[in-house]
Amino acid sequence: MTTSKNDILNKLRSQSVPQNELPDLQSLELSSQWIRYEDPTEQFAETLASVGGLCLRVKNVDEVNSHLSELPAYLESKNVCSQVAGCGQPNVNIPEITDPHDFENIDFAILPGEFGVAENGAVWISNDGGPARTLYFLSQHVALLVPASEIVNNMHQAYQKLGFAENGFGTFMSGPSKTADIEQSLVIGAHGARSLIVFLVEEAF
């Protein structure tokens, strides 16, 4: 039976699309075309700010604590947790929590990030798969500590840093939660963290 649908599908099937070889993403000629910045750290901070986040460069964890002591979101928080030794004054003991839903009342979470990406202000975060990985998304406010030396220019460089030999949790996080689905009006903190601050730390932590 001939139908308009069949006519359209038959015409599509009859079309011949020439094959093209996939590009060699590792070639020097192509890799030189990936976006690069004169100052990746400055670009990371600017891009993060454009999506609602804040970036501060600090020397060590003590300097992070100094900034936290002046941060209203931190000072007003009742439930605080930290996965960075010596950072903040946590009153929630993460290892004691076995149900990820029990993190729903966390006001402020201080968490580690592995590296940042200048072109989109994203931070790569990973976790061993335990319930604490929900802290990145259930907490009202999130502070990420990232080594200052670990800022790459672009996502191509970012994926080169990733390894997938073992199963685990990992994702890129850029800025606080946001949506603009309704009347294209940007709303921060719609379905996740209401604020995100990234500390680029010079010394190891």
N, C-alpha and C. Protein backbone atom coordinates (compact mmCIF):
# COMPACT_ATOMS: atom_id res chain seq x y z
N MET A 1 0.85 -1.18 0.00
CA MET A 1 0.00 0.00 0.00
C MET A 1 0.89 1.25 0.00
N THR A 2 0.56 2.17 -0.87
CA THR A 2 1.33 3.39 -0.97
C THR A 2 0.70 4.48 -0.11
N THR A 3 1.52 5.05 0.74
CA THR A 3 1.07 6.15 1.60
C THR A 3 2.11 7.27 1.53
N SER A 4 1.70 8.43 2.00
CA SER A 4 2.62 9.56 2.03
C SER A 4 3.83 9.25 2.91
N LYS A 5 3.57 8.53 4.00
CA LYS A 5 4.67 8.18 4.91
C LYS A 5 5.66 7.27 4.19
N ASN A 6 5.16 6.25 3.50
CA ASN A 6 6.04 5.34 2.78
C ASN A 6 6.81 6.05 1.67
N ASP A 7 6.13 6.98 0.99
CA ASP A 7 6.80 7.75 -0.07
C ASP A 7 7.98 8.53 0.50
N ILE A 8 7.76 9.14 1.65
CA ILE A 8 8.82 9.93 2.27
C ILE A 8 9.98 9.04 2.69
N LEU A 9 9.66 7.89 3.34
CA LEU A 9 10.70 6.98 3.79
C LEU A 9 11.48 6.39 2.63
N ASN A 10 10.80 6.06 1.55
CA ASN A 10 11.47 5.50 0.38
C ASN A 10 12.42 6.53 -0.25
N LYS A 11 12.01 7.77 -0.28
CA LYS A 11 12.87 8.81 -0.82
C LYS A 11 14.11 9.00 0.05
N LEU A 12 13.92 8.90 1.36
CA LEU A 12 15.06 9.02 2.26
C LEU A 12 16.03 7.86 2.07
N ARG A 13 15.48 6.66 1.93
CA ARG A 13 16.33 5.47 1.75
C ARG A 13 17.11 5.53 0.44
N SER A 14 16.56 6.19 -0.54
CA SER A 14 17.21 6.22 -1.85
C SER A 14 18.35 7.23 -1.93
N GLN A 15 18.43 8.07 -0.91
CA GLN A 15 19.48 9.08 -0.92
C GLN A 15 20.82 8.46 -0.51
N SER A 16 21.85 8.87 -1.17
CA SER A 16 23.19 8.37 -0.87
C SER A 16 24.02 9.50 -0.28
N VAL A 17 24.47 9.28 0.93
CA VAL A 17 25.29 10.29 1.61
C VAL A 17 26.75 9.86 1.56
N PRO A 18 27.61 10.67 1.01
CA PRO A 18 29.02 10.28 0.91
C PRO A 18 29.65 10.11 2.29
N GLN A 19 30.50 9.11 2.42
CA GLN A 19 31.16 8.86 3.69
C GLN A 19 32.37 9.76 3.85
N ASN A 20 32.56 10.20 5.07
CA ASN A 20 33.72 11.02 5.40
C ASN A 20 34.46 10.36 6.56
N GLU A 21 35.77 10.39 6.49
CA GLU A 21 36.55 9.82 7.57
C GLU A 21 36.44 10.70 8.81
N LEU A 22 36.40 10.03 9.97
CA LEU A 22 36.36 10.78 11.22
C LEU A 22 37.69 11.50 11.43
N PRO A 23 37.65 12.69 12.01
CA PRO A 23 38.89 13.43 12.21
C PRO A 23 39.77 12.76 13.27
N ASP A 24 41.06 12.93 13.12
CA ASP A 24 42.00 12.44 14.11
C ASP A 24 42.15 13.49 15.20
N LEU A 25 41.47 13.27 16.31
CA LEU A 25 41.44 14.27 17.37
C LEU A 25 42.79 14.45 18.05
N GLN A 26 43.70 13.52 17.83
CA GLN A 26 45.00 13.60 18.47
C GLN A 26 46.06 14.28 17.61
N SER A 27 45.72 14.59 16.38
CA SER A 27 46.72 15.18 15.48
C SER A 27 47.09 16.58 15.95
N LEU A 28 48.35 16.94 15.74
CA LEU A 28 48.83 18.24 16.17
C LEU A 28 48.11 19.36 15.44
N GLU A 29 47.81 19.12 14.16
CA GLU A 29 47.16 20.16 13.37
C GLU A 29 45.80 20.51 13.93
N LEU A 30 45.02 19.47 14.34
CA LEU A 30 43.68 19.72 14.84
C LEU A 30 43.70 20.17 16.29
N SER A 31 44.58 19.57 17.10
CA SER A 31 44.61 19.93 18.51
C SER A 31 44.98 21.39 18.71
N SER A 32 45.72 21.96 17.79
CA SER A 32 46.09 23.36 17.91
C SER A 32 44.91 24.28 17.66
N GLN A 33 43.81 23.74 17.11
CA GLN A 33 42.65 24.55 16.82
C GLN A 33 41.67 24.61 17.99
N TRP A 34 41.86 23.75 19.01
CA TRP A 34 40.98 23.80 20.17
C TRP A 34 41.18 25.13 20.88
N ILE A 35 40.11 25.65 21.45
CA ILE A 35 40.16 26.97 22.08
C ILE A 35 41.16 27.00 23.23
N ARG A 36 41.95 28.05 23.26
CA ARG A 36 42.95 28.23 24.32
C ARG A 36 42.91 29.68 24.79
N TYR A 37 43.33 29.88 26.04
CA TYR A 37 43.26 31.21 26.63
C TYR A 37 44.63 31.63 27.14
N GLU A 38 44.87 32.93 27.07
CA GLU A 38 46.12 33.47 27.58
C GLU A 38 46.25 33.23 29.08
N ASP A 39 45.12 33.35 29.79
CA ASP A 39 45.09 33.09 31.23
C ASP A 39 43.89 32.20 31.54
N PRO A 40 44.06 30.88 31.52
CA PRO A 40 42.93 29.96 31.75
C PRO A 40 42.25 30.17 33.09
N THR A 41 43.02 30.53 34.12
CA THR A 41 42.43 30.72 35.44
C THR A 41 41.48 31.91 35.45
N GLU A 42 41.91 33.00 34.84
CA GLU A 42 41.04 34.19 34.76
C GLU A 42 39.79 33.90 33.93
N GLN A 43 39.97 33.16 32.83
CA GLN A 43 38.82 32.80 32.00
C GLN A 43 37.86 31.90 32.77
N PHE A 44 38.39 30.96 33.54
CA PHE A 44 37.55 30.09 34.35
C PHE A 44 36.70 30.91 35.30
N ALA A 45 37.32 31.88 35.99
CA ALA A 45 36.60 32.71 36.94
C ALA A 45 35.51 33.53 36.25
N GLU A 46 35.82 34.09 35.08
CA GLU A 46 34.84 34.89 34.35
C GLU A 46 33.67 34.04 33.87
N THR A 47 33.99 32.86 33.35
CA THR A 47 32.93 31.99 32.84
C THR A 47 32.04 31.49 33.98
N LEU A 48 32.65 31.13 35.10
CA LEU A 48 31.87 30.69 36.25
C LEU A 48 30.94 31.79 36.74
N ALA A 49 31.44 33.02 36.77
CA ALA A 49 30.60 34.14 37.19
C ALA A 49 29.42 34.34 36.25
N SER A 50 29.64 34.09 34.97
CA SER A 50 28.57 34.29 33.98
C SER A 50 27.43 33.29 34.14
N VAL A 51 27.68 32.17 34.83
CA VAL A 51 26.62 31.18 35.05
C VAL A 51 26.17 31.16 36.51
N GLY A 52 26.49 32.22 37.25
CA GLY A 52 25.96 32.37 38.59
C GLY A 52 26.86 31.92 39.71
N GLY A 53 28.09 31.49 39.40
CA GLY A 53 29.00 31.04 40.45
C GLY A 53 30.01 32.11 40.82
N LEU A 54 30.89 31.76 41.76
CA LEU A 54 31.92 32.68 42.22
C LEU A 54 33.22 31.91 42.35
N CYS A 55 34.32 32.50 41.90
CA CYS A 55 35.64 31.87 41.98
C CYS A 55 36.58 32.76 42.76
N LEU A 56 37.29 32.18 43.74
CA LEU A 56 38.28 32.90 44.52
C LEU A 56 39.57 32.11 44.53
N ARG A 57 40.67 32.79 44.30
CA ARG A 57 41.97 32.12 44.34
C ARG A 57 42.58 32.35 45.72
N VAL A 58 42.99 31.28 46.39
CA VAL A 58 43.52 31.35 47.75
C VAL A 58 44.82 30.56 47.83
N LYS A 59 45.56 30.82 48.90
CA LYS A 59 46.84 30.15 49.07
C LYS A 59 46.67 28.76 49.67
N ASN A 60 45.82 28.63 50.69
CA ASN A 60 45.68 27.36 51.40
C ASN A 60 44.30 27.25 52.04
N VAL A 61 44.10 26.17 52.78
CA VAL A 61 42.81 25.91 53.43
C VAL A 61 42.52 26.96 54.49
N ASP A 62 43.55 27.43 55.19
CA ASP A 62 43.34 28.47 56.20
C ASP A 62 42.72 29.72 55.58
N GLU A 63 43.15 30.05 54.39
CA GLU A 63 42.59 31.22 53.71
C GLU A 63 41.15 30.96 53.27
N VAL A 64 40.86 29.71 52.92
CA VAL A 64 39.47 29.35 52.63
C VAL A 64 38.60 29.58 53.86
N ASN A 65 39.09 29.13 55.02
CA ASN A 65 38.33 29.31 56.26
C ASN A 65 38.10 30.79 56.56
N SER A 66 39.08 31.61 56.23
CA SER A 66 38.93 33.04 56.45
C SER A 66 37.80 33.61 55.60
N HIS A 67 37.73 33.18 54.35
CA HIS A 67 36.64 33.64 53.47
C HIS A 67 35.29 33.11 53.95
N LEU A 68 35.26 31.87 54.40
CA LEU A 68 34.01 31.30 54.87
C LEU A 68 33.46 32.06 56.07
N SER A 69 34.36 32.54 56.92
CA SER A 69 33.93 33.26 58.12
C SER A 69 33.27 34.59 57.80
N GLU A 70 33.38 35.03 56.54
CA GLU A 70 32.76 36.28 56.11
C GLU A 70 31.62 36.05 55.12
N LEU A 71 31.31 34.80 54.87
CA LEU A 71 30.30 34.45 53.86
C LEU A 71 28.94 34.26 54.52
N PRO A 72 27.96 35.11 54.22
CA PRO A 72 26.64 35.01 54.86
C PRO A 72 25.99 33.64 54.73
N ALA A 73 26.08 33.04 53.55
CA ALA A 73 25.45 31.73 53.35
C ALA A 73 26.03 30.68 54.29
N TYR A 74 27.32 30.80 54.58
CA TYR A 74 27.97 29.86 55.50
C TYR A 74 27.62 30.19 56.94
N LEU A 75 27.67 31.46 57.31
CA LEU A 75 27.41 31.86 58.68
C LEU A 75 25.97 31.58 59.11
N GLU A 76 25.05 31.61 58.16
CA GLU A 76 23.64 31.38 58.47
C GLU A 76 23.24 29.91 58.41
N SER A 77 24.17 29.05 58.02
CA SER A 77 23.86 27.63 57.86
C SER A 77 23.82 26.91 59.22
N LYS A 78 22.81 26.07 59.38
CA LYS A 78 22.67 25.28 60.61
C LYS A 78 23.35 23.92 60.48
N ASN A 79 23.25 23.31 59.30
CA ASN A 79 23.84 22.00 59.07
C ASN A 79 24.95 22.11 58.05
N VAL A 80 26.18 21.89 58.51
CA VAL A 80 27.36 22.05 57.67
C VAL A 80 28.14 20.74 57.64
N CYS A 81 28.61 20.36 56.47
CA CYS A 81 29.46 19.18 56.36
C CYS A 81 30.65 19.50 55.46
N SER A 82 31.73 18.76 55.64
CA SER A 82 32.94 19.01 54.88
C SER A 82 33.65 17.71 54.58
N GLN A 83 34.11 17.58 53.33
CA GLN A 83 34.93 16.44 52.93
C GLN A 83 36.38 16.86 52.71
N VAL A 84 36.73 18.05 53.16
CA VAL A 84 38.09 18.56 53.05
C VAL A 84 38.64 18.74 54.46
N ALA A 85 39.68 18.03 54.79
CA ALA A 85 40.25 18.06 56.14
C ALA A 85 40.65 19.48 56.54
N GLY A 86 40.20 19.88 57.74
CA GLY A 86 40.57 21.17 58.28
C GLY A 86 39.82 22.34 57.69
N CYS A 87 38.86 22.08 56.84
CA CYS A 87 38.14 23.17 56.18
C CYS A 87 36.74 23.29 56.76
N GLY A 88 36.40 24.48 57.24
CA GLY A 88 35.09 24.72 57.82
C GLY A 88 34.95 24.15 59.21
N GLN A 89 33.78 24.33 59.77
CA GLN A 89 33.44 23.80 61.08
C GLN A 89 32.19 22.92 60.94
N PRO A 90 32.38 21.72 60.40
CA PRO A 90 31.22 20.85 60.15
C PRO A 90 30.60 20.33 61.44
N ASN A 91 29.28 20.20 61.41
CA ASN A 91 28.58 19.59 62.54
C ASN A 91 27.77 18.37 62.11
N VAL A 92 28.00 17.93 60.86
CA VAL A 92 27.38 16.71 60.35
C VAL A 92 28.49 15.74 59.99
N ASN A 93 28.46 14.55 60.58
CA ASN A 93 29.49 13.54 60.35
C ASN A 93 29.11 12.69 59.15
N ILE A 94 29.77 12.92 58.02
CA ILE A 94 29.40 12.26 56.77
C ILE A 94 29.48 10.74 56.86
N PRO A 95 30.54 10.14 57.42
CA PRO A 95 30.63 8.66 57.44
C PRO A 95 29.48 7.98 58.19
N GLU A 96 28.81 8.70 59.08
CA GLU A 96 27.71 8.10 59.85
C GLU A 96 26.43 7.98 59.04
N ILE A 97 26.36 8.65 57.90
CA ILE A 97 25.14 8.66 57.09
C ILE A 97 25.23 7.60 56.00
N THR A 98 24.26 6.70 55.99
CA THR A 98 24.24 5.62 55.01
C THR A 98 23.14 5.78 53.97
N ASP A 99 22.15 6.61 54.27
CA ASP A 99 21.04 6.85 53.34
C ASP A 99 21.25 8.22 52.71
N PRO A 100 21.41 8.30 51.38
CA PRO A 100 21.64 9.59 50.73
C PRO A 100 20.54 10.61 50.98
N HIS A 101 19.32 10.15 51.25
CA HIS A 101 18.21 11.06 51.51
C HIS A 101 18.42 11.86 52.79
N ASP A 102 19.26 11.35 53.68
CA ASP A 102 19.50 12.04 54.95
C ASP A 102 20.34 13.30 54.79
N PHE A 103 20.83 13.53 53.57
CA PHE A 103 21.58 14.76 53.32
C PHE A 103 20.67 15.90 52.86
N GLU A 104 19.37 15.68 52.84
CA GLU A 104 18.46 16.67 52.27
C GLU A 104 18.42 17.97 53.07
N ASN A 105 18.84 17.94 54.33
CA ASN A 105 18.78 19.14 55.15
C ASN A 105 20.13 19.85 55.31
N ILE A 106 21.09 19.49 54.47
CA ILE A 106 22.40 20.13 54.54
C ILE A 106 22.31 21.55 53.96
N ASP A 107 22.74 22.51 54.77
CA ASP A 107 22.71 23.90 54.32
C ASP A 107 23.97 24.28 53.55
N PHE A 108 25.11 23.76 53.99
CA PHE A 108 26.37 24.16 53.36
C PHE A 108 27.30 22.95 53.31
N ALA A 109 27.81 22.65 52.12
CA ALA A 109 28.72 21.52 51.95
C ALA A 109 30.03 22.01 51.36
N ILE A 110 31.14 21.57 51.96
CA ILE A 110 32.48 21.90 51.48
C ILE A 110 33.06 20.63 50.89
N LEU A 111 33.32 20.63 49.58
CA LEU A 111 33.63 19.40 48.87
C LEU A 111 34.83 19.59 47.94
N PRO A 112 35.51 18.51 47.62
CA PRO A 112 36.65 18.61 46.70
C PRO A 112 36.23 18.52 45.24
N GLY A 113 36.96 19.23 44.40
CA GLY A 113 36.83 19.10 42.95
C GLY A 113 38.20 18.75 42.40
N GLU A 114 38.24 18.04 41.29
CA GLU A 114 39.53 17.58 40.77
C GLU A 114 40.21 18.59 39.86
N PHE A 115 39.46 19.16 38.93
CA PHE A 115 40.04 20.17 38.04
C PHE A 115 38.92 20.99 37.42
N GLY A 116 39.29 22.16 36.87
CA GLY A 116 38.31 23.04 36.26
C GLY A 116 38.57 23.23 34.78
N VAL A 117 37.55 23.68 34.05
CA VAL A 117 37.63 23.89 32.61
C VAL A 117 37.32 25.36 32.31
N ALA A 118 38.28 26.03 31.69
CA ALA A 118 38.16 27.47 31.47
C ALA A 118 37.00 27.84 30.54
N GLU A 119 36.79 27.05 29.49
CA GLU A 119 35.83 27.47 28.46
C GLU A 119 34.38 27.44 28.95
N ASN A 120 34.06 26.64 29.97
CA ASN A 120 32.67 26.58 30.43
C ASN A 120 32.51 26.71 31.94
N GLY A 121 33.59 26.97 32.66
CA GLY A 121 33.50 27.16 34.10
C GLY A 121 33.10 25.91 34.86
N ALA A 122 33.31 24.74 34.27
CA ALA A 122 32.89 23.49 34.90
C ALA A 122 34.02 22.91 35.75
N VAL A 123 33.62 22.18 36.79
CA VAL A 123 34.55 21.47 37.66
C VAL A 123 34.22 19.99 37.60
N TRP A 124 35.26 19.16 37.41
CA TRP A 124 35.06 17.72 37.42
C TRP A 124 35.03 17.24 38.86
N ILE A 125 33.94 16.58 39.23
CA ILE A 125 33.79 16.03 40.58
C ILE A 125 33.58 14.53 40.47
N SER A 126 34.11 13.80 41.43
CA SER A 126 33.95 12.34 41.43
C SER A 126 33.75 11.89 42.87
N ASN A 127 33.30 10.65 43.00
CA ASN A 127 33.00 10.10 44.32
C ASN A 127 33.08 8.59 44.23
N ASP A 128 33.27 7.94 45.35
CA ASP A 128 33.40 6.48 45.34
C ASP A 128 32.06 5.77 45.18
N GLY A 129 31.00 6.53 44.97
CA GLY A 129 29.70 5.91 44.76
C GLY A 129 28.85 5.84 46.00
N GLY A 130 29.37 6.29 47.13
CA GLY A 130 28.63 6.28 48.38
C GLY A 130 27.56 7.37 48.41
N PRO A 131 26.81 7.44 49.49
CA PRO A 131 25.72 8.43 49.59
C PRO A 131 26.18 9.88 49.56
N ALA A 132 27.46 10.13 49.89
CA ALA A 132 27.94 11.51 49.96
C ALA A 132 27.94 12.20 48.61
N ARG A 133 27.84 11.46 47.52
CA ARG A 133 27.84 12.12 46.21
C ARG A 133 26.60 13.00 46.02
N THR A 134 25.55 12.74 46.79
CA THR A 134 24.34 13.57 46.68
C THR A 134 24.54 14.95 47.28
N LEU A 135 25.61 15.13 48.06
CA LEU A 135 25.86 16.43 48.67
C LEU A 135 26.04 17.53 47.63
N TYR A 136 26.58 17.18 46.48
CA TYR A 136 26.80 18.17 45.43
C TYR A 136 25.49 18.76 44.92
N PHE A 137 24.40 18.02 45.10
CA PHE A 137 23.14 18.41 44.49
C PHE A 137 22.03 18.70 45.49
N LEU A 138 22.08 18.08 46.68
CA LEU A 138 21.03 18.30 47.68
C LEU A 138 21.33 19.49 48.59
N SER A 139 22.60 19.83 48.74
CA SER A 139 22.96 20.93 49.65
C SER A 139 22.45 22.26 49.12
N GLN A 140 22.07 23.12 50.06
CA GLN A 140 21.59 24.45 49.67
C GLN A 140 22.71 25.31 49.07
N HIS A 141 23.90 25.18 49.65
CA HIS A 141 25.05 25.94 49.17
C HIS A 141 26.26 25.01 49.11
N VAL A 142 27.08 25.17 48.07
CA VAL A 142 28.23 24.28 47.87
C VAL A 142 29.49 25.11 47.66
N ALA A 143 30.56 24.71 48.35
CA ALA A 143 31.89 25.27 48.11
C ALA A 143 32.79 24.14 47.63
N LEU A 144 33.44 24.35 46.50
CA LEU A 144 34.35 23.36 45.94
C LEU A 144 35.79 23.86 46.07
N LEU A 145 36.66 22.98 46.54
CA LEU A 145 38.09 23.30 46.59
C LEU A 145 38.77 22.56 45.44
N VAL A 146 39.44 23.32 44.59
CA VAL A 146 40.08 22.77 43.40
C VAL A 146 41.54 23.22 43.38
N PRO A 147 42.48 22.33 43.09
CA PRO A 147 43.88 22.76 42.96
C PRO A 147 44.03 23.85 41.91
N ALA A 148 44.68 24.96 42.27
CA ALA A 148 44.81 26.09 41.36
C ALA A 148 45.56 25.74 40.09
N SER A 149 46.42 24.74 40.17
CA SER A 149 47.21 24.34 39.00
C SER A 149 46.43 23.45 38.04
N GLU A 150 45.22 23.05 38.43
CA GLU A 150 44.46 22.09 37.63
C GLU A 150 43.32 22.77 36.87
N ILE A 151 43.66 23.76 36.06
CA ILE A 151 42.67 24.41 35.20
C ILE A 151 43.10 24.18 33.76
N VAL A 152 42.26 23.52 32.98
CA VAL A 152 42.56 23.27 31.57
C VAL A 152 41.78 24.24 30.70
N ASN A 153 42.21 24.37 29.46
CA ASN A 153 41.58 25.33 28.56
C ASN A 153 40.20 24.91 28.10
N ASN A 154 40.07 23.64 27.68
CA ASN A 154 38.87 23.23 26.96
C ASN A 154 38.46 21.81 27.33
N MET A 155 37.31 21.40 26.83
CA MET A 155 36.78 20.08 27.17
C MET A 155 37.59 18.96 26.53
N HIS A 156 38.26 19.24 25.43
CA HIS A 156 39.12 18.23 24.83
C HIS A 156 40.24 17.86 25.81
N GLN A 157 40.87 18.86 26.39
CA GLN A 157 41.90 18.62 27.39
C GLN A 157 41.31 17.96 28.63
N ALA A 158 40.08 18.35 28.97
CA ALA A 158 39.43 17.79 30.16
C ALA A 158 39.23 16.28 30.01
N TYR A 159 38.74 15.85 28.86
CA TYR A 159 38.49 14.42 28.67
C TYR A 159 39.79 13.62 28.62
N GLN A 160 40.87 14.27 28.23
CA GLN A 160 42.16 13.58 28.25
C GLN A 160 42.61 13.27 29.68
N LYS A 161 42.08 14.02 30.65
CA LYS A 161 42.47 13.81 32.04
C LYS A 161 41.64 12.72 32.72
N LEU A 162 40.57 12.30 32.08
CA LEU A 162 39.66 11.34 32.70
C LEU A 162 40.10 9.91 32.42
N GLY A 163 39.84 9.05 33.38
CA GLY A 163 40.10 7.63 33.20
C GLY A 163 38.86 6.83 33.54
N PHE A 164 38.58 5.80 32.78
CA PHE A 164 37.37 5.02 32.99
C PHE A 164 37.68 3.54 33.16
N ALA A 165 38.84 3.25 33.74
CA ALA A 165 39.23 1.85 33.94
C ALA A 165 38.34 1.16 34.96
N GLU A 166 37.82 1.94 35.91
CA GLU A 166 36.94 1.38 36.94
C GLU A 166 35.61 2.11 36.94
N ASN A 167 34.57 1.41 37.36
CA ASN A 167 33.26 2.04 37.46
C ASN A 167 33.27 3.03 38.62
N GLY A 168 32.57 4.11 38.47
CA GLY A 168 32.51 5.11 39.53
C GLY A 168 31.61 6.25 39.13
N PHE A 169 31.47 7.20 40.03
CA PHE A 169 30.63 8.36 39.78
C PHE A 169 31.49 9.56 39.43
N GLY A 170 31.09 10.29 38.42
CA GLY A 170 31.79 11.51 38.06
C GLY A 170 30.93 12.36 37.16
N THR A 171 31.06 13.67 37.29
CA THR A 171 30.29 14.58 36.44
C THR A 171 30.93 15.96 36.45
N PHE A 172 30.56 16.77 35.49
CA PHE A 172 31.02 18.15 35.46
C PHE A 172 29.94 19.03 36.09
N MET A 173 30.36 19.95 36.93
CA MET A 173 29.43 20.86 37.61
C MET A 173 29.84 22.29 37.30
N SER A 174 28.92 23.08 36.75
CA SER A 174 29.22 24.45 36.39
C SER A 174 28.17 25.38 36.98
N GLY A 175 28.57 26.11 37.99
CA GLY A 175 27.65 27.07 38.61
C GLY A 175 26.58 26.39 39.45
N PRO A 176 25.75 27.18 40.14
CA PRO A 176 24.64 26.62 40.92
C PRO A 176 23.54 26.12 40.00
N SER A 177 22.55 25.47 40.59
CA SER A 177 21.40 25.00 39.82
C SER A 177 20.68 26.19 39.19
N LYS A 178 20.19 25.99 37.97
CA LYS A 178 19.51 27.09 37.30
C LYS A 178 18.56 26.56 36.23
N THR A 179 17.55 27.34 35.90
CA THR A 179 16.66 27.00 34.79
C THR A 179 16.10 28.28 34.21
N ALA A 180 15.79 28.24 32.93
CA ALA A 180 15.15 29.37 32.28
C ALA A 180 14.02 28.88 31.39
N ASP A 181 13.45 27.73 31.76
CA ASP A 181 12.40 27.12 30.94
C ASP A 181 11.12 27.96 30.93
N ILE A 182 10.82 28.61 32.05
CA ILE A 182 9.57 29.35 32.17
C ILE A 182 9.78 30.79 31.73
N GLU A 183 9.18 31.15 30.59
CA GLU A 183 9.25 32.50 30.03
C GLU A 183 10.68 32.97 29.87
N GLN A 184 11.63 32.03 29.73
CA GLN A 184 13.04 32.35 29.54
C GLN A 184 13.56 33.30 30.61
N SER A 185 13.03 33.14 31.82
CA SER A 185 13.47 33.94 32.96
C SER A 185 14.39 33.07 33.82
N LEU A 186 15.65 33.49 33.97
CA LEU A 186 16.64 32.68 34.69
C LEU A 186 16.33 32.63 36.18
N VAL A 187 16.25 31.42 36.71
CA VAL A 187 16.01 31.20 38.13
C VAL A 187 17.17 30.39 38.68
N ILE A 188 17.85 30.92 39.69
CA ILE A 188 18.99 30.25 40.31
C ILE A 188 18.50 29.39 41.47
N GLY A 189 19.04 28.18 41.58
CA GLY A 189 18.68 27.29 42.69
C GLY A 189 17.34 26.62 42.53
N ALA A 190 16.92 26.40 41.30
CA ALA A 190 15.59 25.84 41.06
C ALA A 190 15.49 24.38 41.49
N HIS A 191 16.53 23.59 41.27
CA HIS A 191 16.46 22.16 41.58
C HIS A 191 17.81 21.64 42.04
N GLY A 192 18.49 22.42 42.85
CA GLY A 192 19.79 22.00 43.36
C GLY A 192 20.40 23.11 44.17
N ALA A 193 21.72 23.15 44.20
CA ALA A 193 22.41 24.16 45.01
C ALA A 193 22.02 25.58 44.61
N ARG A 194 21.77 26.41 45.62
CA ARG A 194 21.39 27.80 45.37
C ARG A 194 22.60 28.68 45.11
N SER A 195 23.76 28.23 45.54
CA SER A 195 24.98 28.99 45.26
C SER A 195 26.16 28.03 45.16
N LEU A 196 27.15 28.44 44.38
CA LEU A 196 28.37 27.66 44.23
C LEU A 196 29.56 28.60 44.25
N ILE A 197 30.50 28.32 45.13
CA ILE A 197 31.74 29.07 45.16
C ILE A 197 32.90 28.10 44.98
N VAL A 198 33.81 28.43 44.09
CA VAL A 198 34.97 27.59 43.81
C VAL A 198 36.22 28.29 44.34
N PHE A 199 36.92 27.60 45.24
CA PHE A 199 38.19 28.11 45.74
C PHE A 199 39.31 27.41 44.97
N LEU A 200 40.11 28.17 44.28
CA LEU A 200 41.29 27.63 43.61
C LEU A 200 42.45 27.72 44.59
N VAL A 201 42.88 26.57 45.10
CA VAL A 201 43.83 26.53 46.21
C VAL A 201 45.24 26.24 45.67
N GLU A 202 46.20 27.10 46.02
CA GLU A 202 47.56 26.94 45.52
C GLU A 202 48.29 25.78 46.17
N GLU A 203 48.15 25.63 47.50
CA GLU A 203 48.85 24.56 48.20
C GLU A 203 48.00 23.30 48.22
N ALA A 204 48.67 22.14 48.35
CA ALA A 204 47.96 20.87 48.39
C ALA A 204 47.05 20.80 49.62
N PHE A 205 45.93 20.13 49.46
CA PHE A 205 44.99 20.01 50.60
C PHE A 205 44.45 18.58 50.67
